C-alpha atoms as a PDB file:
ATOM      1  CA  MET A   1      29.599  22.684 -84.100  1.00  0.00           C
ATOM      2  CA  GLY A   2      31.687  22.187 -81.098  1.00  0.00           C
ATOM      3  CA  SER A   3      30.430  18.666 -80.794  1.00  0.00           C
ATOM      4  CA  LEU A   4      31.086  18.017 -84.490  1.00  0.00           C
ATOM      5  CA  LEU A   5      34.703  19.343 -84.381  1.00  0.00           C
ATOM      6  CA  ASN A   6      35.448  17.276 -81.165  1.00  0.00           C
ATOM      7  CA  THR A   7      34.057  14.042 -82.896  1.00  0.00           C
ATOM      8  CA  LEU A   8      36.368  14.731 -85.996  1.00  0.00           C
ATOM      9  CA  TRP A   9      39.442  15.381 -83.776  1.00  0.00           C
ATOM     10  CA  ARG A  10      38.759  12.186 -81.899  1.00  0.00           C
ATOM     11  CA  THR A  11      38.636  10.228 -85.120  1.00  0.00           C
ATOM     12  CA  VAL A  12      42.010  11.589 -85.959  1.00  0.00           C
ATOM     13  CA  ILE A  13      43.384  10.143 -82.692  1.00  0.00           C
ATOM     14  CA  LEU A  14      41.570   6.728 -83.687  1.00  0.00           C
ATOM     15  CA  ASP A  15      39.017   6.749 -80.810  1.00  0.00           C
ATOM     16  CA  ASP A  16      36.551   3.893 -81.789  1.00  0.00           C
ATOM     17  CA  ALA A  17      33.677   5.700 -80.055  1.00  0.00           C
ATOM     18  CA  ALA A  18      34.091   8.715 -82.352  1.00  0.00           C
ATOM     19  CA  TYR A  19      33.686   6.606 -85.490  1.00  0.00           C
ATOM     20  CA  GLU A  20      30.517   5.130 -84.047  1.00  0.00           C
ATOM     21  CA  GLU A  21      29.209   8.660 -83.167  1.00  0.00           C
ATOM     22  CA  TRP A  22      29.944   9.845 -86.696  1.00  0.00           C
ATOM     23  CA  ARG A  23      28.352   6.763 -88.260  1.00  0.00           C
ATOM     24  CA  GLU A  24      25.197   7.272 -86.185  1.00  0.00           C
ATOM     25  CA  ARG A  25      24.705  10.926 -87.268  1.00  0.00           C
ATOM     26  CA  PRO A  26      21.774  11.479 -89.687  1.00  0.00           C
ATOM     27  CA  ASN A  27      22.511  11.640 -93.507  1.00  0.00           C
ATOM     28  CA  VAL A  28      26.118  10.339 -92.859  1.00  0.00           C
ATOM     29  CA  PHE A  29      26.637   9.845 -96.540  1.00  0.00           C
ATOM     30  CA  LEU A  30      25.812  13.435 -97.486  1.00  0.00           C
ATOM     31  CA  ARG A  31      27.992  14.542 -94.509  1.00  0.00           C
ATOM     32  CA  GLY A  32      30.887  12.503 -96.064  1.00  0.00           C
ATOM     33  CA  ILE A  33      30.426  14.271 -99.389  1.00  0.00           C
ATOM     34  CA  VAL A  34      30.416  17.727 -97.625  1.00  0.00           C
ATOM     35  CA  LEU A  35      33.423  16.746 -95.483  1.00  0.00           C
ATOM     36  CA  ILE A  36      35.633  15.722 -98.382  1.00  0.00           C
ATOM     37  CA  ILE A  37      34.648  18.817-100.508  1.00  0.00           C
ATOM     38  CA  ILE A  38      35.522  21.132 -97.548  1.00  0.00           C
ATOM     39  CA  ILE A  39      38.882  19.487 -96.576  1.00  0.00           C
ATOM     40  CA  SER A  40      39.875  19.257-100.145  1.00  0.00           C
ATOM     41  CA  LEU A  41      39.253  22.861-100.824  1.00  0.00           C
ATOM     42  CA  LEU A  42      40.923  24.011 -97.448  1.00  0.00           C
ATOM     43  CA  ALA A  43      43.896  21.766 -98.203  1.00  0.00           C
ATOM     44  CA  GLY A  44      44.322  23.253-101.685  1.00  0.00           C
ATOM     45  CA  LEU A  45      44.050  26.879-100.597  1.00  0.00           C
ATOM     46  CA  VAL A  46      47.834  27.664-100.650  1.00  0.00           C
ATOM     47  CA  SER A  47      48.300  25.717-103.934  1.00  0.00           C
ATOM     48  CA  PHE A  48      45.413  27.852-105.277  1.00  0.00           C
ATOM     49  CA  ALA A  49      47.153  31.003-104.343  1.00  0.00           C
ATOM     50  CA  VAL A  50      50.480  29.870-105.701  1.00  0.00           C
ATOM     51  CA  ASP A  51      48.886  28.691-108.989  1.00  0.00           C
ATOM     52  CA  LEU A  52      46.851  32.018-109.326  1.00  0.00           C
ATOM     53  CA  ALA A  53      50.093  34.100-108.815  1.00  0.00           C
ATOM     54  CA  ASN A  54      51.909  32.021-111.493  1.00  0.00           C
ATOM     55  CA  ARG A  55      49.037  32.388-113.951  1.00  0.00           C
ATOM     56  CA  VAL A  56      48.694  36.066-113.745  1.00  0.00           C
ATOM     57  CA  LYS A  57      52.394  37.013-113.910  1.00  0.00           C
ATOM     58  CA  PRO A  58      53.996  37.722-117.119  1.00  0.00           C
ATOM     59  CA  VAL A  59      55.943  34.865-118.865  1.00  0.00           C
ATOM     60  CA  ALA A  60      59.580  35.088-118.167  1.00  0.00           C
ATOM     61  CA  VAL A  61      62.075  33.664-120.841  1.00  0.00           C
ATOM     62  CA  ALA A  62      64.684  32.890-117.970  1.00  0.00           C
ATOM     63  CA  ASP A  63      62.177  30.846-115.989  1.00  0.00           C
ATOM     64  CA  ILE A  64      61.262  28.686-119.012  1.00  0.00           C
ATOM     65  CA  GLU A  65      64.851  28.092-119.913  1.00  0.00           C
ATOM     66  CA  GLU A  66      65.544  27.245-116.115  1.00  0.00           C
ATOM     67  CA  GLN A  67      62.716  24.692-116.135  1.00  0.00           C
ATOM     68  CA  ILE A  68      64.030  23.126-119.348  1.00  0.00           C
ATOM     69  CA  ASP A  69      67.576  22.943-117.892  1.00  0.00           C
ATOM     70  CA  GLN A  70      66.267  21.402-114.790  1.00  0.00           C
ATOM     71  CA  TRP A  71      64.433  18.733-116.720  1.00  0.00           C
ATOM     72  CA  PHE A  72      67.399  17.941-118.980  1.00  0.00           C
ATOM     73  CA  GLY A  73      69.769  17.765-115.878  1.00  0.00           C
ATOM     74  CA  MET A  74      67.396  15.266-114.276  1.00  0.00           C
ATOM     75  CA  GLN A  75      67.105  13.158-117.296  1.00  0.00           C
ATOM     76  CA  SER A  76      70.897  13.168-117.630  1.00  0.00           C
ATOM     77  CA  GLN A  77      71.294  11.569-114.192  1.00  0.00           C
ATOM     78  CA  PHE A  78      69.176   8.572-115.191  1.00  0.00           C
ATOM     79  CA  PHE A  79      69.868   8.358-118.981  1.00  0.00           C
ATOM     80  CA  PRO A  80      73.487   8.535-120.194  1.00  0.00           C
ATOM     81  CA  TYR A  81      72.034   9.255-123.604  1.00  0.00           C
ATOM     82  CA  TYR A  82      71.267  12.729-122.590  1.00  0.00           C
ATOM     83  CA  GLN A  83      74.925  13.246-121.661  1.00  0.00           C
ATOM     84  CA  ASP A  84      75.935  13.022-125.405  1.00  0.00           C
ATOM     85  CA  PRO A  85      77.202  16.488-126.582  1.00  0.00           C
ATOM     86  CA  GLU A  86      75.111  16.184-129.759  1.00  0.00           C
ATOM     87  CA  VAL A  87      72.092  15.517-127.761  1.00  0.00           C
ATOM     88  CA  GLU A  88      72.779  18.646-125.590  1.00  0.00           C
ATOM     89  CA  GLU A  89      73.019  20.580-128.853  1.00  0.00           C
ATOM     90  CA  MET A  90      69.891  19.364-130.029  1.00  0.00           C
ATOM     91  CA  VAL A  91      68.070  20.155-126.833  1.00  0.00           C
ATOM     92  CA  LYS A  92      69.586  23.702-126.892  1.00  0.00           C
ATOM     93  CA  ALA A  93      68.381  24.127-130.496  1.00  0.00           C
ATOM     94  CA  MET A  94      64.812  23.056-129.640  1.00  0.00           C
ATOM     95  CA  THR A  95      64.866  25.361-126.709  1.00  0.00           C
ATOM     96  CA  ASP A  96      65.863  28.239-128.822  1.00  0.00           C
ATOM     97  CA  VAL A  97      62.858  27.551-131.045  1.00  0.00           C
ATOM     98  CA  ILE A  98      60.325  26.670-128.364  1.00  0.00           C
ATOM     99  CA  VAL A  99      60.879  29.355-125.835  1.00  0.00           C
ATOM    100  CA  PRO A 100      60.021  32.295-128.335  1.00  0.00           C
ATOM    101  CA  MET A 101      56.978  30.365-129.310  1.00  0.00           C
ATOM    102  CA  VAL A 102      55.690  30.071-125.673  1.00  0.00           C
ATOM    103  CA  VAL A 103      56.334  33.619-125.101  1.00  0.00           C
ATOM    104  CA  ASP A 104      54.518  34.727-128.316  1.00  0.00           C
ATOM    105  CA  LEU A 105      51.533  32.539-127.382  1.00  0.00           C
ATOM    106  CA  ALA A 106      51.455  34.012-123.874  1.00  0.00           C
ATOM    107  CA  GLU A 107      51.363  37.538-125.200  1.00  0.00           C
ATOM    108  CA  ILE A 108      48.240  36.921-127.518  1.00  0.00           C
ATOM    109  CA  LYS A 109      45.634  39.223-126.317  1.00  0.00           C
ATOM    110  CA  ALA A 110      42.631  37.390-124.915  1.00  0.00           C
ATOM    111  CA  PRO A 111      39.057  38.736-124.818  1.00  0.00           C
ATOM    112  CA  LEU A 112      39.380  39.078-121.066  1.00  0.00           C
ATOM    113  CA  PRO A 113      42.374  40.624-118.962  1.00  0.00           C
ATOM    114  CA  GLN A 114      45.009  38.076-118.082  1.00  0.00           C
ATOM    115  CA  GLY A 115      44.102  38.370-114.480  1.00  0.00           C
ATOM    116  CA  PHE A 116      40.539  37.208-115.053  1.00  0.00           C
ATOM    117  CA  VAL A 117      41.660  34.358-117.263  1.00  0.00           C
ATOM    118  CA  GLY A 118      44.313  33.299-114.758  1.00  0.00           C
ATOM    119  CA  PHE A 119      41.799  33.516-111.922  1.00  0.00           C
ATOM    120  CA  PHE A 120      39.278  31.341-113.578  1.00  0.00           C
ATOM    121  CA  ASN A 121      41.854  28.722-114.626  1.00  0.00           C
ATOM    122  CA  ALA A 122      43.304  28.545-111.127  1.00  0.00           C
ATOM    123  CA  PHE A 123      39.806  28.463-109.499  1.00  0.00           C
ATOM    124  CA  GLY A 124      38.791  25.641-111.902  1.00  0.00           C
ATOM    125  CA  SER A 125      41.840  23.534-110.993  1.00  0.00           C
ATOM    126  CA  TRP A 126      41.112  24.293-107.389  1.00  0.00           C
ATOM    127  CA  LEU A 127      37.532  23.044-107.591  1.00  0.00           C
ATOM    128  CA  SER A 128      38.665  20.038-109.618  1.00  0.00           C
ATOM    129  CA  ARG A 129      40.552  18.748-106.627  1.00  0.00           C
ATOM    130  CA  ALA A 130      37.256  18.346-104.705  1.00  0.00           C
ATOM    131  CA  LEU A 131      35.531  16.638-107.672  1.00  0.00           C
ATOM    132  CA  THR A 132      38.505  14.228-108.171  1.00  0.00           C
ATOM    133  CA  ALA A 133      38.447  13.416-104.467  1.00  0.00           C
ATOM    134  CA  ILE A 134      34.800  12.832-104.462  1.00  0.00           C
ATOM    135  CA  GLY A 135      35.164  10.366-107.515  1.00  0.00           C
ATOM    136  CA  GLY A 136      38.125   8.436-105.803  1.00  0.00           C
ATOM    137  CA  TRP A 137      36.173   8.216-102.568  1.00  0.00           C
ATOM    138  CA  LEU A 138      33.165   6.668-104.216  1.00  0.00           C
ATOM    139  CA  PHE A 139      34.994   4.255-106.529  1.00  0.00           C
ATOM    140  CA  TYR A 140      37.678   3.195-104.165  1.00  0.00           C
ATOM    141  CA  GLY A 141      35.201   2.960-101.222  1.00  0.00           C
ATOM    142  CA  ALA A 142      32.922   0.750-103.059  1.00  0.00           C
ATOM    143  CA  LEU A 143      35.692  -1.708-103.827  1.00  0.00           C
ATOM    144  CA  VAL A 144      36.882  -1.721-100.335  1.00  0.00           C
ATOM    145  CA  LEU A 145      33.448  -2.451 -98.951  1.00  0.00           C
ATOM    146  CA  LEU A 146      33.238  -5.378-101.512  1.00  0.00           C
ATOM    147  CA  PHE A 147      36.392  -6.969-100.099  1.00  0.00           C
ATOM    148  CA  ALA A 148      35.352  -6.234 -96.534  1.00  0.00           C
ATOM    149  CA  ASN A 149      32.176  -8.097 -97.025  1.00  0.00           C
ATOM    150  CA  LEU A 150      34.200 -11.083 -98.673  1.00  0.00           C
ATOM    151  CA  LEU A 151      36.376 -11.140 -95.574  1.00  0.00           C
ATOM    152  CA  GLY A 152      33.425 -11.552 -93.265  1.00  0.00           C
ATOM    153  CA  GLY A 153      32.461  -7.883 -92.678  1.00  0.00           C
ATOM    154  CA  SER A 154      29.034  -6.236 -93.038  1.00  0.00           C
ATOM    155  CA  ALA A 155      27.982  -2.700 -93.671  1.00  0.00           C
ATOM    156  CA  LYS A 156      25.537  -0.880 -95.894  1.00  0.00           C
ATOM    157  CA  LEU A 157      27.274   1.242 -98.704  1.00  0.00           C
ATOM    158  CA  PRO A 158      26.104   4.656 -97.738  1.00  0.00           C
ATOM    159  CA  GLU A 159      26.998   4.471 -94.032  1.00  0.00           C
ATOM    160  CA  PHE A 160      30.270   2.894 -94.942  1.00  0.00           C
ATOM    161  CA  LEU A 161      31.240   5.550 -97.536  1.00  0.00           C
ATOM    162  CA  GLY A 162      30.071   8.308 -95.132  1.00  0.00           C
ATOM    163  CA  THR A 163      32.264   6.801 -92.421  1.00  0.00           C
ATOM    164  CA  VAL A 164      35.431   6.283 -94.343  1.00  0.00           C
ATOM    165  CA  ALA A 165      35.158   9.861 -95.562  1.00  0.00           C
ATOM    166  CA  LEU A 166      36.864  10.661 -92.299  1.00  0.00           C
ATOM    167  CA  TYR A 167      40.164   9.817 -93.991  1.00  0.00           C
ATOM    168  CA  ALA A 168      40.030  13.283 -95.600  1.00  0.00           C
ATOM    169  CA  VAL A 169      40.633  15.085 -92.211  1.00  0.00           C
ATOM    170  CA  PRO A 170      44.323  14.389 -91.861  1.00  0.00           C
ATOM    171  CA  GLY A 171      44.505  15.883 -95.454  1.00  0.00           C
ATOM    172  CA  LEU A 172      44.444  19.320 -94.055  1.00  0.00           C
ATOM    173  CA  LEU A 173      48.248  18.935 -93.507  1.00  0.00           C
ATOM    174  CA  GLY A 174      48.514  19.200 -97.208  1.00  0.00           C
ATOM    175  CA  VAL A 175      47.608  22.847 -97.069  1.00  0.00           C
ATOM    176  CA  LEU A 176      51.290  23.551 -96.763  1.00  0.00           C
ATOM    177  CA  SER A 177      52.461  21.104 -99.485  1.00  0.00           C
ATOM    178  CA  PRO A 178      53.769  24.144-101.609  1.00  0.00           C
ATOM    179  CA  VAL A 179      56.164  25.162 -98.796  1.00  0.00           C
ATOM    180  CA  PRO A 180      59.662  23.648 -99.562  1.00  0.00           C
ATOM    181  CA  CYS A 181      60.962  20.886 -97.419  1.00  0.00           C
ATOM    182  CA  ILE A 182      58.421  20.966 -94.605  1.00  0.00           C
ATOM    183  CA  GLY A 183      55.430  20.956 -97.136  1.00  0.00           C
ATOM    184  CA  THR A 184      56.495  17.539 -98.475  1.00  0.00           C
ATOM    185  CA  LEU A 185      57.111  16.198 -95.128  1.00  0.00           C
ATOM    186  CA  LEU A 186      53.591  17.238 -93.824  1.00  0.00           C
ATOM    187  CA  LEU A 187      52.076  15.767 -97.047  1.00  0.00           C
ATOM    188  CA  ILE A 188      53.539  12.399 -96.492  1.00  0.00           C
ATOM    189  CA  ILE A 189      52.653  12.413 -92.816  1.00  0.00           C
ATOM    190  CA  GLY A 190      49.083  13.383 -93.810  1.00  0.00           C
ATOM    191  CA  THR A 191      48.831  10.667 -96.408  1.00  0.00           C
ATOM    192  CA  VAL A 192      50.110   7.972 -93.963  1.00  0.00           C
ATOM    193  CA  TRP A 193      47.682   9.217 -91.319  1.00  0.00           C
ATOM    194  CA  ALA A 194      44.690   9.199 -93.795  1.00  0.00           C
ATOM    195  CA  ILE A 195      45.370   5.637 -94.592  1.00  0.00           C
ATOM    196  CA  VAL A 196      45.453   4.685 -90.961  1.00  0.00           C
ATOM    197  CA  VAL A 197      42.147   6.608 -90.346  1.00  0.00           C
ATOM    198  CA  TYR A 198      40.621   4.723 -93.412  1.00  0.00           C
ATOM    199  CA  VAL A 199      41.650   1.430 -92.040  1.00  0.00           C
ATOM    200  CA  LYS A 200      40.138   2.240 -88.590  1.00  0.00           C
ATOM    201  CA  ALA A 201      36.851   3.396 -90.226  1.00  0.00           C
ATOM    202  CA  THR A 202      36.735   0.250 -92.187  1.00  0.00           C
ATOM    203  CA  SER A 203      37.349  -1.804 -89.142  1.00  0.00           C
ATOM    204  CA  VAL A 204      34.630  -0.079 -87.078  1.00  0.00           C
ATOM    205  CA  THR A 205      32.045   0.283 -89.780  1.00  0.00           C
ATOM    206  CA  ALA A 206      32.409  -3.230 -91.252  1.00  0.00           C
ATOM    207  CA  LYS A 207      33.061  -4.921 -87.846  1.00  0.00           C
ATOM    208  CA  LEU A 208      36.345  -6.397 -88.858  1.00  0.00           C
ATOM    209  CA  ASP A 209      39.497  -6.866 -86.880  1.00  0.00           C
ATOM    210  CA  THR A 210      42.524  -4.684 -87.789  1.00  0.00           C
ATOM    211  CA  GLY A 211      44.290  -7.352 -89.870  1.00  0.00           C
ATOM    212  CA  ARG A 212      41.280  -7.975 -92.088  1.00  0.00           C
ATOM    213  CA  ALA A 213      40.545  -4.188 -92.252  1.00  0.00           C
ATOM    214  CA  ILE A 214      43.927  -3.658 -93.595  1.00  0.00           C
ATOM    215  CA  LEU A 215      43.527  -6.457 -96.161  1.00  0.00           C
ATOM    216  CA  ALA A 216      40.274  -5.070 -97.320  1.00  0.00           C
ATOM    217  CA  VAL A 217      41.801  -1.509 -97.790  1.00  0.00           C
ATOM    218  CA  VAL A 218      44.979  -2.741 -99.567  1.00  0.00           C
ATOM    219  CA  ALA A 219      43.218  -5.441-101.775  1.00  0.00           C
ATOM    220  CA  PRO A 220      41.578  -3.001-104.309  1.00  0.00           C
ATOM    221  CA  PHE A 221      44.912  -1.235-104.788  1.00  0.00           C
ATOM    222  CA  LEU A 222      46.662  -4.550-105.623  1.00  0.00           C
ATOM    223  CA  ALA A 223      43.662  -5.643-107.834  1.00  0.00           C
ATOM    224  CA  ILE A 224      43.908  -2.473-109.664  1.00  0.00           C
ATOM    225  CA  VAL A 225      47.689  -2.698-110.219  1.00  0.00           C
ATOM    226  CA  LEU A 226      47.439  -6.354-111.262  1.00  0.00           C
ATOM    227  CA  ILE A 227      44.588  -5.621-113.869  1.00  0.00           C
ATOM    228  CA  SER A 228      46.581  -2.650-115.148  1.00  0.00           C
ATOM    229  CA  ALA A 229      49.680  -4.758-115.553  1.00  0.00           C
ATOM    230  CA  LEU A 230      47.618  -7.489-117.326  1.00  0.00           C
ATOM    231  CA  LEU A 231      45.969  -4.994-119.671  1.00  0.00           C
ATOM    232  CA  LEU A 232      49.426  -3.467-120.449  1.00  0.00           C
ATOM    233  CA  GLY A 233      50.932  -6.816-121.052  1.00  0.00           C
ATOM    234  CA  LEU A 234      47.977  -7.730-123.455  1.00  0.00           C
ATOM    235  CA  ALA A 235      48.405  -4.349-125.238  1.00  0.00           C
ATOM    236  CA  VAL A 236      52.169  -4.960-125.745  1.00  0.00           C
ATOM    237  CA  LEU A 237      51.449  -8.459-126.901  1.00  0.00           C
ATOM    238  CA  TRP A 238      48.893  -7.161-129.437  1.00  0.00           C
ATOM    239  CA  PHE A 239      51.146  -4.441-130.733  1.00  0.00           C
ATOM    240  CA  ALA A 240      53.950  -7.021-131.084  1.00  0.00           C
ATOM    241  CA  ILE A 241      51.676  -9.291-133.093  1.00  0.00           C
ATOM    242  CA  LEU A 242      50.359  -6.610-135.339  1.00  0.00           C
ATOM    243  CA  PHE A 243      53.677  -4.856-136.138  1.00  0.00           C
END
């Protein structure tokens, strides 16, 4: 265990030898899956606790109204339309109707106590973080390897995916993401460092220099954005023609 933790720590500080050691471990692909699941669950522990607390506590009318007011204030900053007194009156009237409905729905007696229902909902959301992370790791990693090979690199898919899974380690900083101010800062630092680790893992595993490794990691994102924009443009054009 000590050797494993030492290797993981050295990958965080971008030690090339540590990436080679991780890649040479047996069943590196399965190790990558386990690593991502564990890190995702650990990073979501505090969020899970906060979510659970919010789900089991009674619905407060004041909290709902405050959230609506915050949303309306944010919209007013960007859209002058919301500053119209008539719009404000309309939103207030909608709030007077919606809030009691939300409270009534929340007070409906479920077959299980609210605590059990809240726990299972929060637990499901917590587990879904890991499943989402696994899906993104597989999909994006396959695209990165495709571009890495096009740029002259070479690596087999299982060992490549198992090695780039190391990007998840800096995600541990996200465990404090719900904490005001410092949580957001740590989340940003963890995200940036995860990208750096991903580039390093791509460089070592696919045998690319840093410049081509960066291009291989960024290219799938740019391709997805370009394809999404193209599909959106085609959809808008299609609606324009039909209507």
